[in-house]
Amino acid sequence: MDNTWLHNFSGAVTICDTEGIIIYMNKKSQSTFARDGGAGLIGKNVLDCHPEPARSKLATMLKTEETNCYTIEKNGVKKLIYQAPWYKDTSEYGGLVELSLEIPIKMPNYVRQPKED
């Protein structure tokens, strides 16, 4: 499968290995973090990019393979941040992937009920 779509995906995708070393950033991620070094962050430790308490939270997540999800708002832009472990060949822990997706300030929420048989 051609992964060009991922590099051009409209959400920021940042991937680090089990030690926290950034191994991939798509175009959106590079532009989002341009002030911090953009593509130059590849090869750097993600822990060095975060102040406390986020740094300690990420360090714990790297060790425990936890998922973390939250929203942020900055300069009138709201984002969903989803950080989760990724796995090589479905079983070997590879590190963490972070998805950062811009979302509307006010967004509908639909509660789906399971279909009755």
Protein backbone atom coordinates (compact mmCIF):
# COMPACT_ATOMS: atom_id res chain seq x y z
CA MET A 1 0.00 0.00 0.00
CA ASP A 2 1.28 3.46 -0.89
CA ASN A 3 1.52 5.58 2.28
CA THR A 4 1.62 8.93 0.46
CA TRP A 5 -1.87 9.61 1.77
CA LEU A 6 -0.53 9.61 5.34
CA HIS A 7 2.12 12.20 4.57
CA ASN A 8 -0.56 14.43 3.01
CA PHE A 9 -3.28 13.67 5.60
CA SER A 10 -4.93 16.84 6.96
CA GLY A 11 -4.38 15.86 10.60
CA ALA A 12 -0.97 15.98 12.27
CA VAL A 13 0.57 12.51 12.68
CA THR A 14 3.69 12.16 14.83
CA ILE A 15 5.23 8.77 15.61
CA CYS A 16 7.93 7.92 18.14
CA ASP A 17 9.67 4.68 19.05
CA THR A 18 9.65 3.00 22.48
CA GLU A 19 12.40 5.33 23.74
CA GLY A 20 10.49 8.44 22.65
CA ILE A 21 12.62 9.18 19.59
CA ILE A 22 10.50 10.82 16.89
CA ILE A 23 10.70 8.60 13.80
CA TYR A 24 8.00 10.14 11.60
CA MET A 25 6.10 13.39 11.13
CA ASN A 26 3.67 13.98 8.28
CA LYS A 27 3.49 17.37 6.54
CA LYS A 28 0.80 18.71 8.91
CA SER A 29 2.83 17.67 11.95
CA GLN A 30 5.94 19.31 10.53
CA SER A 31 4.06 22.57 9.91
CA THR A 32 2.30 22.42 13.30
CA PHE A 33 5.66 22.16 15.05
CA ALA A 34 7.59 24.42 12.66
CA ARG A 35 8.47 26.88 15.44
CA ASP A 36 9.99 23.99 17.40
CA GLY A 37 12.05 22.66 14.49
CA GLY A 38 9.51 21.03 12.15
CA ALA A 39 11.02 18.07 10.29
CA GLY A 40 14.23 18.71 12.24
CA LEU A 41 12.50 17.14 15.25
CA ILE A 42 12.78 13.72 13.61
CA GLY A 43 15.49 11.92 15.55
CA LYS A 44 14.88 14.01 18.70
CA ASN A 45 13.23 12.77 21.87
CA VAL A 46 9.56 13.69 22.24
CA LEU A 47 10.07 14.06 25.99
CA ASP A 48 12.37 17.03 25.35
CA CYS A 49 9.51 18.75 23.49
CA HIS A 50 7.14 18.77 26.47
CA PRO A 51 7.15 20.65 29.79
CA GLU A 52 5.94 19.08 33.01
CA PRO A 53 3.51 17.53 33.75
CA ALA A 54 3.05 16.41 30.11
CA ARG A 55 6.64 15.10 30.01
CA SER A 56 6.06 12.72 32.95
CA LYS A 57 2.70 11.63 31.51
CA LEU A 58 4.37 10.74 28.18
CA ALA A 59 7.23 8.93 29.93
CA THR A 60 4.69 6.79 31.78
CA MET A 61 2.74 6.15 28.57
CA LEU A 62 5.92 5.00 26.80
CA LYS A 63 6.53 2.44 29.56
CA THR A 64 2.96 1.26 30.10
CA GLU A 65 1.63 1.42 26.52
CA GLU A 66 -1.27 3.62 27.66
CA THR A 67 -3.67 5.57 25.47
CA ASN A 68 -4.38 9.24 26.22
CA CYS A 69 -7.12 11.35 24.64
CA TYR A 70 -8.10 14.96 25.26
CA THR A 71 -9.04 18.23 23.56
CA ILE A 72 -7.19 21.53 23.56
CA GLU A 73 -8.06 25.02 22.37
CA LYS A 74 -5.46 27.58 21.32
CA ASN A 75 -5.95 30.80 19.34
CA GLY A 76 -9.57 29.89 18.61
CA VAL A 77 -8.66 26.45 17.18
CA LYS A 78 -9.88 23.35 18.98
CA LYS A 79 -8.06 20.04 18.51
CA LEU A 80 -8.62 16.45 19.48
CA ILE A 81 -5.34 14.89 20.62
CA TYR A 82 -5.20 11.10 20.53
CA GLN A 83 -2.02 9.39 21.71
CA ALA A 84 -1.85 5.62 21.53
CA PRO A 85 0.64 2.77 21.28
CA TRP A 86 1.43 1.30 17.88
CA TYR A 87 2.60 -2.24 17.21
CA LYS A 88 4.93 -3.85 14.69
CA ASP A 89 3.39 -6.95 13.11
CA THR A 90 0.38 -6.57 15.47
CA SER A 91 2.22 -7.71 18.61
CA GLU A 92 5.62 -6.03 19.12
CA TYR A 93 5.28 -2.65 20.83
CA GLY A 94 6.75 0.02 18.56
CA GLY A 95 6.15 3.26 20.53
CA LEU A 96 3.47 5.95 20.45
CA VAL A 97 1.55 7.67 17.69
CA GLU A 98 -0.10 11.04 18.19
CA LEU A 99 -2.97 12.24 16.03
CA SER A 100 -3.90 15.90 16.27
CA LEU A 101 -7.13 16.74 14.49
CA GLU A 102 -8.73 20.18 14.25
CA ILE A 103 -12.38 19.99 15.29
CA PRO A 104 -15.19 22.57 15.49
CA ILE A 105 -15.52 24.49 18.77
CA LYS A 106 -19.10 23.25 18.99
CA MET A 107 -19.62 19.84 17.54
CA PRO A 108 -22.62 17.53 17.56
CA ASN A 109 -22.39 14.31 19.50
CA TYR A 110 -24.54 11.40 18.39
CA VAL A 111 -25.31 8.52 20.70
CA ARG A 112 -25.75 5.39 18.62
CA GLN A 113 -27.92 2.63 19.96
CA PRO A 114 -27.15 -0.95 18.95
CA LYS A 115 -29.57 -2.46 16.47
CA GLU A 116 -32.03 -4.86 17.96
CA ASP A 117 -32.06 -8.29 16.36
